[in-house]
Amino acid sequence: MKQQHYSELGETLYSETLANGLRVYLLPKKGFHKTYAVMTTDYGSVDQSFVPLGETKPVTQPAGIAHFLEHKMFEKADHDAFDTFAHFGASSNAFTSFTHTSYLFSATHHLKDNLVTLLDFVQDPYFTAQTVNKEKGIIGQEIQMYDDDPNSRAYFGTIANLYPGQPLADDIAGTISSIDKITADDLYLAHKTFYHPSNMSLFVVGKLVPDETLDWIRENQAAKQFAKPAVIQRILPAASSKVISHRILNMPVERSKATIGLRGFDSLPTGLERLKYEDALSLGFTLLLGETAPDFLKLYDQGVIDDSFGYNIEIQRDAHHVIMAGEAEDPQAFEEAILSILKGFTEKLQRASNRFEAVRREAIGNTLTSFNSLEAIANQFDDQLYAPASLFDEVKVINSLTLEDVIDTMSHFLEAATISRQEILAGN
C-alpha cells in the first residue's frame, strides 16, 4: 500500500490499485468519530455512445441512462440497499454528474459491514422490466419538478446553449421521452461496461485503520469474478464550435433571472498544470467579480446585481466553461455590466495587485477548511481529472500562483471563449 504524506495539510493518503483495477484511497482522520465512503465510476450523463465491454460495435443509449442506473442500483431481488445501510446505522445516497456516478454512505459504527454493503450492491446489478417501468414514473416526476424550477432551467439551459447537439446539452436526468426508451438490457449493458472495477475508485475517509480497512476491501473483491479490464471506447460527436448566443425563456417567476455562459475553446493542460489552470481562473474571477471586488460593490450599490449573483467554474472531462448568474430587475443591464468587466479584464487585474495576496490567502484558507469536512474531501477528490495531481496538491498550487499567472490564464480562457446569454422572464 502506497503512502503519500502532504505536509501542508498534515494528512497522509494511503492508496492501492487492486488486481481487478479498483483504485482504493484511504484517509484516516484523527478526532473524527464518523467515516464517509464514496464509490465512484467514471461514467456520467455524457457517456451515451460507446463500444460495450467485450464487443466491437458501438451503441448509443437514451439520454438520462446513467442517472436512471444510479436510481435502480439500490433495489435488489429480495431487499433494498438503503434498508441494509440503515440496519448498520449508516446514511446512504448517490448522485450523477455529467461525467461521474457516485454511491456513498456515512456511519459511526459497523464500518466493515457498510463497506461490504457498498461494494456488493454497486457491483451486483438487478433489473427487471417491471421494476424498470416502475422507475420511469418516479424519475419522470423528478424531471417535471426540475422543469418547473427556474434555477435548474437557468443552469442546464445555459449548458445546452453552450454545447448544442452534444451530450452535455441533455439534462443529466434525460427527458420523459428519452427515459421511456430505457430497458433492463440497456442498464445491464451500461453496468457491464462502466461499472468494471478498473473504471471505478473507492475513497474512504474519517475514523479508520488503513491496513485493516484495505484488508476488508481486498477480501471482498478477491471473492468476486470480473471480466478482464479493457480501455473503454467512448464515442463523442465531432467537435463543434457552435454556440447558441442568446435565448429567452418565460416562466412564472417573481424576478427575472440572467445567466451568462462562457465556453472555453483554449487548450487545457494536463496533470498539475490543469489544477493550476483551474485555480488561476478561480483567483481571476474572484478578483474581478468576488464580493470584495470594486466593480462588484459598485454594481451591488447600483442595484444591478444582488445577493443572488454567483459564478461557477467547471472543468469536465472534455469541456470547460464558466457560468455567471443572478436575479435582475434589468437582465440586459446585468449582462452588459458583467461583460464590460470581463472585456477590460487585463487592466482591472493589474490594478488588483494590492488585493491579490488577500484573495490568494483566502483561497488557501477555504481549501484548508474544506479538509475539516469528510464529505468535502471525498466528494471533491478526482483521481483522474488532474492525474497524477489531486485535491491534496491544491494548497501548494495556489501558493505558487502569481498575479502574472492569473492574468496569463485569464487571457487564454477569455480571449478564446464564446459567450451565451439567457434570460428567464416573468410570464407563462
Protein backbone atom coordinates (compact mmCIF):
# COMPACT_ATOMS: atom_id res chain seq x y z
CA MET A 1 0.00 0.00 0.00
CA LYS A 2 1.38 3.38 -1.05
CA GLN A 3 1.59 6.24 1.46
CA GLN A 4 1.71 9.90 0.42
CA HIS A 5 2.23 12.49 3.14
CA TYR A 6 1.14 16.09 2.49
CA SER A 7 2.99 18.30 4.94
CA GLU A 8 0.98 21.44 4.05
CA LEU A 9 -2.18 19.64 5.16
CA GLY A 10 -0.86 17.34 7.84
CA GLU A 11 -2.55 14.45 6.01
CA THR A 12 -1.36 11.04 4.87
CA LEU A 13 -3.21 9.40 1.99
CA TYR A 14 -3.00 5.62 1.61
CA SER A 15 -3.71 4.13 -1.81
CA GLU A 16 -3.61 0.90 -3.74
CA THR A 17 -4.88 -0.36 -7.08
CA LEU A 18 -6.27 -3.87 -6.61
CA ALA A 19 -5.70 -6.75 -9.00
CA ASN A 20 -9.10 -6.15 -10.61
CA GLY A 21 -8.26 -2.48 -11.24
CA LEU A 22 -10.26 -0.87 -8.43
CA ARG A 23 -8.43 2.19 -7.13
CA VAL A 24 -8.69 2.48 -3.33
CA TYR A 25 -7.87 5.61 -1.32
CA LEU A 26 -7.90 5.72 2.48
CA LEU A 27 -7.54 8.89 4.55
CA PRO A 28 -7.59 8.37 8.33
CA LYS A 29 -8.65 11.48 10.26
CA LYS A 30 -7.81 11.73 13.95
CA GLY A 31 -10.51 13.10 16.21
CA PHE A 32 -13.38 12.08 13.93
CA HIS A 33 -15.99 9.55 15.04
CA LYS A 34 -17.60 9.26 11.62
CA THR A 35 -16.44 7.53 8.45
CA TYR A 36 -17.50 8.59 4.99
CA ALA A 37 -17.06 6.43 1.89
CA VAL A 38 -17.68 7.17 -1.79
CA MET A 39 -17.50 4.65 -4.62
CA THR A 40 -17.34 6.37 -8.00
CA THR A 41 -17.47 5.23 -11.59
CA ASP A 42 -16.04 7.35 -14.39
CA TYR A 43 -19.43 7.33 -16.09
CA GLY A 44 -21.94 10.12 -16.37
CA SER A 45 -24.70 11.57 -18.49
CA VAL A 46 -22.42 12.42 -21.42
CA ASP A 47 -21.38 8.79 -21.91
CA GLN A 48 -24.27 7.82 -24.15
CA SER A 49 -22.32 6.34 -27.07
CA PHE A 50 -19.67 3.68 -26.53
CA VAL A 51 -18.42 0.25 -27.51
CA PRO A 52 -19.69 -2.23 -24.87
CA LEU A 53 -17.12 -4.24 -22.97
CA GLY A 54 -16.20 -7.37 -24.90
CA GLU A 55 -17.89 -6.19 -28.12
CA THR A 56 -16.80 -4.38 -31.27
CA LYS A 57 -19.86 -2.45 -32.45
CA PRO A 58 -20.76 0.91 -30.88
CA VAL A 59 -24.14 1.59 -29.29
CA THR A 60 -25.97 4.79 -28.37
CA GLN A 61 -28.21 4.69 -25.32
CA PRO A 62 -31.02 7.08 -24.32
CA ALA A 63 -30.22 10.35 -22.57
CA GLY A 64 -30.53 10.02 -18.81
CA ILE A 65 -29.50 6.38 -18.56
CA ALA A 66 -26.55 6.98 -16.18
CA HIS A 67 -28.89 8.72 -13.73
CA PHE A 68 -31.55 6.03 -14.25
CA LEU A 69 -28.97 3.34 -13.49
CA GLU A 70 -27.97 5.14 -10.29
CA HIS A 71 -31.60 5.06 -9.13
CA LYS A 72 -32.04 1.38 -9.89
CA MET A 73 -28.82 0.12 -8.30
CA PHE A 74 -30.22 0.20 -4.75
CA GLU A 75 -33.12 -2.17 -5.49
CA LYS A 76 -32.31 -5.90 -5.40
CA ALA A 77 -34.39 -9.04 -5.86
CA ASP A 78 -35.08 -9.52 -2.14
CA HIS A 79 -34.04 -6.29 -0.44
CA ASP A 80 -33.20 -2.63 -0.81
CA ALA A 81 -29.64 -1.45 -0.15
CA PHE A 82 -30.98 1.61 1.66
CA ASP A 83 -32.52 -0.72 4.26
CA THR A 84 -29.26 -2.64 4.67
CA PHE A 85 -27.32 0.55 5.30
CA ALA A 86 -29.97 1.68 7.79
CA HIS A 87 -29.70 -1.67 9.60
CA PHE A 88 -26.00 -0.96 10.16
CA GLY A 89 -26.65 2.62 11.26
CA ALA A 90 -25.46 4.28 8.06
CA SER A 91 -26.91 7.07 5.97
CA SER A 92 -26.58 6.41 2.23
CA ASN A 93 -27.11 8.29 -1.00
CA ALA A 94 -25.94 8.60 -4.61
CA PHE A 95 -25.58 11.26 -7.30
CA THR A 96 -24.87 11.51 -11.01
CA SER A 97 -23.00 14.28 -12.81
CA PHE A 98 -22.06 14.83 -16.44
CA THR A 99 -19.03 12.53 -16.11
CA HIS A 100 -19.35 10.56 -12.85
CA THR A 101 -21.76 8.49 -10.78
CA SER A 102 -21.08 8.12 -7.06
CA TYR A 103 -22.52 5.98 -4.28
CA LEU A 104 -21.84 6.88 -0.68
CA PHE A 105 -22.53 6.28 2.98
CA SER A 106 -21.59 7.82 6.31
CA ALA A 107 -21.56 5.91 9.57
CA THR A 108 -20.12 5.93 13.07
CA HIS A 109 -20.18 2.15 13.56
CA HIS A 110 -20.04 -1.11 11.57
CA LEU A 111 -17.55 0.20 9.00
CA LYS A 112 -16.78 -3.26 7.62
CA ASP A 113 -20.45 -4.16 7.22
CA ASN A 114 -21.21 -0.88 5.47
CA LEU A 115 -18.19 -1.14 3.17
CA VAL A 116 -19.21 -4.65 2.17
CA THR A 117 -22.76 -3.43 1.55
CA LEU A 118 -21.47 -0.59 -0.64
CA LEU A 119 -19.18 -2.83 -2.69
CA ASP A 120 -21.77 -5.57 -3.07
CA PHE A 121 -24.77 -3.53 -4.12
CA VAL A 122 -22.79 -1.42 -6.61
CA GLN A 123 -21.19 -4.47 -8.20
CA ASP A 124 -24.28 -6.73 -8.26
CA PRO A 125 -26.99 -5.25 -10.51
CA TYR A 126 -30.59 -6.45 -10.55
CA PHE A 127 -33.11 -5.16 -13.07
CA THR A 128 -36.40 -6.45 -14.44
CA ALA A 129 -38.78 -4.99 -16.99
CA GLN A 130 -41.34 -4.44 -14.24
CA THR A 131 -39.03 -2.56 -11.87
CA VAL A 132 -37.57 -0.50 -14.72
CA ASN A 133 -41.01 0.58 -15.90
CA LYS A 134 -41.99 1.50 -12.35
CA GLU A 135 -38.90 3.70 -12.04
CA LYS A 136 -39.80 5.59 -15.21
CA GLY A 137 -42.75 7.14 -13.46
CA ILE A 138 -40.67 8.14 -10.44
CA ILE A 139 -37.90 9.72 -12.48
CA GLY A 140 -40.47 11.31 -14.78
CA GLN A 141 -41.88 13.18 -11.79
CA GLU A 142 -38.35 14.27 -10.86
CA ILE A 143 -37.79 15.60 -14.38
CA GLN A 144 -41.05 17.55 -14.27
CA MET A 145 -40.09 19.01 -10.91
CA TYR A 146 -36.78 20.30 -12.30
CA ASP A 147 -38.54 21.59 -15.41
CA ASP A 148 -40.58 23.81 -13.10
CA ASP A 149 -37.51 25.04 -11.20
CA PRO A 150 -36.18 28.32 -12.68
CA ASN A 151 -32.73 27.83 -11.17
CA SER A 152 -32.40 24.40 -12.77
CA ARG A 153 -33.68 25.74 -16.09
CA ALA A 154 -31.21 28.63 -15.92
CA TYR A 155 -28.22 26.35 -15.31
CA PHE A 156 -28.99 23.43 -17.62
CA GLY A 157 -30.42 25.77 -20.25
CA THR A 158 -27.15 27.67 -20.36
CA ILE A 159 -25.15 24.42 -20.61
CA ALA A 160 -27.39 23.38 -23.52
CA ASN A 161 -26.79 26.75 -25.19
CA LEU A 162 -23.03 26.33 -24.86
CA TYR A 163 -22.96 22.77 -26.24
CA PRO A 164 -25.87 22.37 -28.68
CA GLY A 165 -26.12 18.98 -30.32
CA GLN A 166 -23.70 17.41 -27.83
CA PRO A 167 -24.42 15.09 -24.88
CA LEU A 168 -23.73 17.95 -22.45
CA ALA A 169 -26.82 19.65 -23.83
CA ASP A 170 -29.01 16.85 -22.44
CA ASP A 171 -30.23 17.16 -18.88
CA ILE A 172 -28.48 14.68 -16.57
CA ALA A 173 -31.84 13.05 -15.82
CA GLY A 174 -32.79 12.97 -19.50
CA THR A 175 -36.31 13.71 -20.70
CA ILE A 176 -39.58 11.86 -20.16
CA SER A 177 -39.35 10.73 -23.77
CA SER A 178 -35.73 9.50 -23.53
CA ILE A 179 -36.11 7.56 -20.28
CA ASP A 180 -39.21 5.85 -21.66
CA LYS A 181 -36.89 4.06 -24.11
CA ILE A 182 -34.64 2.60 -21.40
CA THR A 183 -34.81 -1.16 -20.91
CA ALA A 184 -33.35 -3.58 -18.38
CA ASP A 185 -30.96 -4.81 -21.06
CA ASP A 186 -29.71 -1.24 -21.59
CA LEU A 187 -28.97 -0.94 -17.88
CA TYR A 188 -27.14 -4.25 -17.75
CA LEU A 189 -25.04 -3.25 -20.76
CA ALA A 190 -24.08 0.11 -19.24
CA HIS A 191 -23.27 -1.52 -15.92
CA LYS A 192 -21.15 -4.22 -17.56
CA THR A 193 -19.09 -1.59 -19.39
CA PHE A 194 -18.75 1.28 -16.96
CA TYR A 195 -19.01 -0.40 -13.56
CA HIS A 196 -15.99 -2.60 -14.08
CA PRO A 197 -13.62 -2.14 -11.10
CA SER A 198 -10.92 -0.76 -13.42
CA ASN A 199 -13.21 2.20 -14.18
CA MET A 200 -14.02 2.85 -10.52
CA SER A 201 -12.49 4.22 -7.35
CA LEU A 202 -13.28 3.92 -3.64
CA PHE A 203 -12.43 6.75 -1.26
CA VAL A 204 -12.83 6.19 2.50
CA VAL A 205 -12.12 8.99 4.96
CA GLY A 206 -12.53 9.50 8.70
CA LYS A 207 -12.30 7.01 11.53
CA LEU A 208 -10.45 4.03 10.07
CA VAL A 209 -7.35 1.88 10.35
CA PRO A 210 -5.75 1.76 6.86
CA ASP A 211 -4.34 -1.80 6.91
CA GLU A 212 -7.47 -3.27 8.42
CA THR A 213 -9.79 -1.38 6.08
CA LEU A 214 -7.83 -2.34 3.00
CA ASP A 215 -7.85 -6.00 4.08
CA TRP A 216 -11.66 -5.93 4.20
CA ILE A 217 -11.81 -4.44 0.71
CA ARG A 218 -9.26 -6.88 -0.71
CA GLU A 219 -11.13 -9.83 0.79
CA ASN A 220 -14.43 -8.67 -0.69
CA GLN A 221 -13.01 -8.11 -4.15
CA ALA A 222 -10.96 -11.32 -4.24
CA ALA A 223 -14.17 -13.34 -3.79
CA LYS A 224 -15.68 -11.92 -6.98
CA GLN A 225 -15.01 -12.55 -10.64
CA PHE A 226 -14.84 -9.78 -13.23
CA ALA A 227 -14.13 -9.62 -16.93
CA LYS A 228 -10.62 -8.75 -17.99
CA PRO A 229 -10.06 -4.96 -17.77
CA ALA A 230 -10.19 -3.10 -21.07
CA VAL A 231 -9.98 0.52 -22.15
CA ILE A 232 -13.50 1.90 -22.60
CA GLN A 233 -14.13 3.25 -26.08
CA ARG A 234 -16.29 6.32 -25.54
CA ILE A 235 -17.70 7.88 -28.70
CA LEU A 236 -18.25 11.62 -28.76
CA PRO A 237 -19.76 13.66 -31.59
CA ALA A 238 -17.40 15.64 -33.76
CA ALA A 239 -16.10 18.75 -32.04
CA SER A 240 -18.19 21.80 -32.86
CA SER A 241 -17.72 25.49 -32.14
CA LYS A 242 -21.45 26.13 -32.44
CA VAL A 243 -22.99 28.02 -29.52
CA ILE A 244 -26.50 29.44 -29.10
CA SER A 245 -25.66 33.06 -28.37
CA HIS A 246 -28.96 34.18 -26.84
CA ARG A 247 -32.16 32.63 -25.58
CA ILE A 248 -35.18 33.92 -23.66
CA LEU A 249 -37.46 31.70 -21.56
CA ASN A 250 -40.76 32.69 -20.00
CA MET A 251 -41.65 31.19 -16.62
CA PRO A 252 -43.85 32.20 -13.67
CA VAL A 253 -41.04 33.85 -11.70
CA GLU A 254 -41.25 36.85 -9.38
CA ARG A 255 -37.97 38.32 -10.61
CA SER A 256 -36.17 37.83 -13.89
CA LYS A 257 -33.01 35.75 -13.99
CA ALA A 258 -30.00 36.45 -16.18
CA THR A 259 -27.27 33.91 -16.99
CA ILE A 260 -24.02 34.34 -18.91
CA GLY A 261 -22.10 31.28 -20.04
CA LEU A 262 -18.51 31.32 -21.28
CA ARG A 263 -17.41 28.21 -23.16
CA GLY A 264 -13.68 27.68 -23.20
CA PHE A 265 -12.02 26.93 -26.51
CA ASP A 266 -8.44 27.26 -25.31
CA SER A 267 -6.41 24.09 -24.99
CA LEU A 268 -6.50 22.64 -21.48
CA PRO A 269 -3.21 21.49 -19.94
CA THR A 270 -2.92 18.17 -18.14
CA GLY A 271 -1.88 16.98 -14.71
CA LEU A 272 -0.67 19.53 -12.19
CA GLU A 273 -0.84 22.28 -14.83
CA ARG A 274 -4.58 21.67 -15.22
CA LEU A 275 -5.10 22.12 -11.49
CA LYS A 276 -3.01 25.29 -11.68
CA TYR A 277 -5.15 26.48 -14.62
CA GLU A 278 -8.38 25.99 -12.68
CA ASP A 279 -7.08 27.68 -9.54
CA ALA A 280 -5.75 30.62 -11.58
CA LEU A 281 -9.18 31.04 -13.19
CA SER A 282 -10.78 30.95 -9.76
CA LEU A 283 -8.47 33.66 -8.43
CA GLY A 284 -9.02 35.75 -11.56
CA PHE A 285 -12.81 35.68 -11.33
CA THR A 286 -12.64 36.38 -7.60
CA LEU A 287 -10.50 39.46 -8.25
CA LEU A 288 -12.95 40.66 -10.92
CA LEU A 289 -16.33 39.61 -9.55
CA GLY A 290 -15.84 38.46 -5.97
CA GLU A 291 -17.72 40.15 -3.14
CA THR A 292 -14.78 42.45 -2.32
CA ALA A 293 -14.07 43.45 -5.94
CA PRO A 294 -14.64 47.18 -6.59
CA ASP A 295 -16.80 46.50 -9.65
CA PHE A 296 -18.95 44.02 -7.73
CA LEU A 297 -19.51 46.54 -4.93
CA LYS A 298 -20.34 49.26 -7.45
CA LEU A 299 -22.91 47.13 -9.28
CA TYR A 300 -24.34 45.95 -5.96
CA ASP A 301 -24.81 49.54 -4.75
CA GLN A 302 -26.45 50.42 -8.07
CA GLY A 303 -28.88 47.52 -7.74
CA VAL A 304 -27.69 45.91 -10.97
CA ILE A 305 -26.78 42.74 -9.07
CA ASP A 306 -27.77 41.47 -5.63
CA ASP A 307 -27.03 38.63 -3.21
CA SER A 308 -28.26 36.09 -5.74
CA PHE A 309 -25.26 36.73 -8.01
CA GLY A 310 -22.69 33.98 -8.30
CA TYR A 311 -20.38 32.24 -10.73
CA ASN A 312 -19.18 28.68 -11.19
CA ILE A 313 -16.03 27.43 -12.92
CA GLU A 314 -16.40 23.91 -14.27
CA ILE A 315 -13.75 21.73 -15.86
CA GLN A 316 -15.16 18.47 -17.17
CA ARG A 317 -13.52 15.52 -18.85
CA ASP A 318 -13.85 17.05 -22.34
CA ALA A 319 -15.16 20.56 -21.73
CA HIS A 320 -14.71 23.65 -19.58
CA HIS A 321 -16.86 26.71 -19.00
CA VAL A 322 -17.80 29.45 -16.56
CA ILE A 323 -21.40 30.31 -15.72
CA MET A 324 -22.41 33.60 -14.06
CA ALA A 325 -25.99 34.09 -12.94
CA GLY A 326 -28.30 36.11 -10.74
CA GLU A 327 -31.70 37.70 -10.40
CA ALA A 328 -32.02 41.11 -12.00
CA GLU A 329 -34.61 43.83 -12.41
CA ASP A 330 -32.99 44.61 -15.75
CA PRO A 331 -31.37 41.46 -17.21
CA GLN A 332 -29.88 43.35 -20.14
CA ALA A 333 -28.17 45.86 -17.84
CA PHE A 334 -26.92 42.93 -15.73
CA GLU A 335 -25.39 41.21 -18.75
CA GLU A 336 -23.86 44.36 -20.22
CA ALA A 337 -22.26 45.27 -16.88
CA ILE A 338 -20.71 41.83 -16.34
CA LEU A 339 -19.45 41.56 -19.92
CA SER A 340 -17.96 45.05 -19.69
CA ILE A 341 -15.93 43.98 -16.65
CA LEU A 342 -14.67 40.90 -18.46
CA LYS A 343 -13.81 42.90 -21.57
CA GLY A 344 -11.38 45.05 -19.61
CA PHE A 345 -10.04 42.17 -17.50
CA THR A 346 -6.33 42.77 -18.10
CA GLU A 347 -6.27 46.34 -16.84
CA LYS A 348 -8.62 45.51 -13.95
CA LEU A 349 -6.49 42.58 -12.83
CA GLN A 350 -3.33 44.65 -13.00
CA ARG A 351 -5.00 47.26 -10.78
CA ALA A 352 -5.95 44.47 -8.34
CA SER A 353 -2.33 43.75 -7.39
CA ASN A 354 -2.91 45.22 -3.91
CA ARG A 355 -5.73 42.70 -3.31
CA PHE A 356 -4.08 39.66 -4.86
CA GLU A 357 -2.34 38.36 -1.75
CA ALA A 358 -5.51 38.63 0.35
CA VAL A 359 -7.54 36.78 -2.28
CA ARG A 360 -4.90 34.07 -2.60
CA ARG A 361 -4.73 33.60 1.17
CA GLU A 362 -8.50 33.37 1.35
CA ALA A 363 -8.45 30.63 -1.31
CA ILE A 364 -5.82 28.73 0.65
CA GLY A 365 -7.86 29.16 3.82
CA ASN A 366 -11.00 27.85 2.15
CA THR A 367 -9.11 24.82 0.87
CA LEU A 368 -7.65 24.07 4.29
CA THR A 369 -11.09 24.50 5.89
CA SER A 370 -12.59 22.00 3.45
CA PHE A 371 -10.28 19.34 4.91
CA ASN A 372 -12.32 19.56 8.10
CA SER A 373 -15.26 18.10 6.19
CA LEU A 374 -15.15 14.40 5.36
CA GLU A 375 -17.83 14.91 2.72
CA ALA A 376 -15.96 17.77 1.06
CA ILE A 377 -12.74 15.79 0.82
CA ALA A 378 -14.31 12.66 -0.62
CA ASN A 379 -16.73 14.39 -3.00
CA GLN A 380 -14.14 16.80 -4.39
CA PHE A 381 -11.45 14.17 -4.88
CA ASP A 382 -10.96 13.20 -8.52
CA ASP A 383 -8.10 10.84 -9.20
CA GLN A 384 -8.22 11.21 -12.99
CA LEU A 385 -9.11 14.78 -13.98
CA TYR A 386 -5.78 16.17 -12.74
CA ALA A 387 -3.76 12.94 -12.55
CA PRO A 388 -1.20 12.49 -11.19
CA ALA A 389 -2.11 15.62 -9.17
CA SER A 390 -5.20 15.79 -6.97
CA LEU A 391 -7.10 17.85 -4.43
CA PHE A 392 -4.25 17.26 -1.98
CA ASP A 393 -1.91 19.36 -4.14
CA GLU A 394 -4.21 22.38 -4.25
CA VAL A 395 -2.74 24.37 -1.37
CA LYS A 396 0.73 24.05 -2.88
CA VAL A 397 -0.59 25.08 -6.28
CA ILE A 398 -2.49 28.13 -5.05
CA ASN A 399 0.50 29.22 -3.00
CA SER A 400 2.70 29.08 -6.12
CA LEU A 401 0.45 31.27 -8.28
CA THR A 402 1.40 34.85 -9.11
CA LEU A 403 -0.74 37.65 -10.44
CA GLU A 404 1.04 37.22 -13.78
CA ASP A 405 -0.04 33.55 -13.82
CA VAL A 406 -3.62 34.62 -13.24
CA ILE A 407 -3.58 37.26 -15.98
CA ASP A 408 -1.99 34.80 -18.42
CA THR A 409 -4.59 32.09 -17.69
CA MET A 410 -7.49 34.53 -17.87
CA SER A 411 -6.15 35.76 -21.21
CA HIS A 412 -6.01 32.25 -22.66
CA PHE A 413 -9.54 31.50 -21.46
CA LEU A 414 -11.40 34.76 -22.14
CA GLU A 415 -9.81 35.59 -25.49
CA ALA A 416 -10.87 32.21 -26.90
CA ALA A 417 -14.19 31.86 -25.07
CA THR A 418 -17.59 32.06 -26.76
CA ILE A 419 -20.45 33.77 -24.92
CA SER A 420 -24.05 32.68 -24.46
CA ARG A 421 -26.68 34.76 -22.70
CA GLN A 422 -30.00 33.58 -21.35
CA GLU A 423 -32.85 35.33 -19.57
CA ILE A 424 -35.79 33.86 -17.71
CA LEU A 425 -38.56 36.44 -17.73
CA ALA A 426 -41.85 36.55 -15.89
CA GLY A 427 -44.61 35.00 -17.96
CA ASN A 428 -46.41 31.75 -18.69
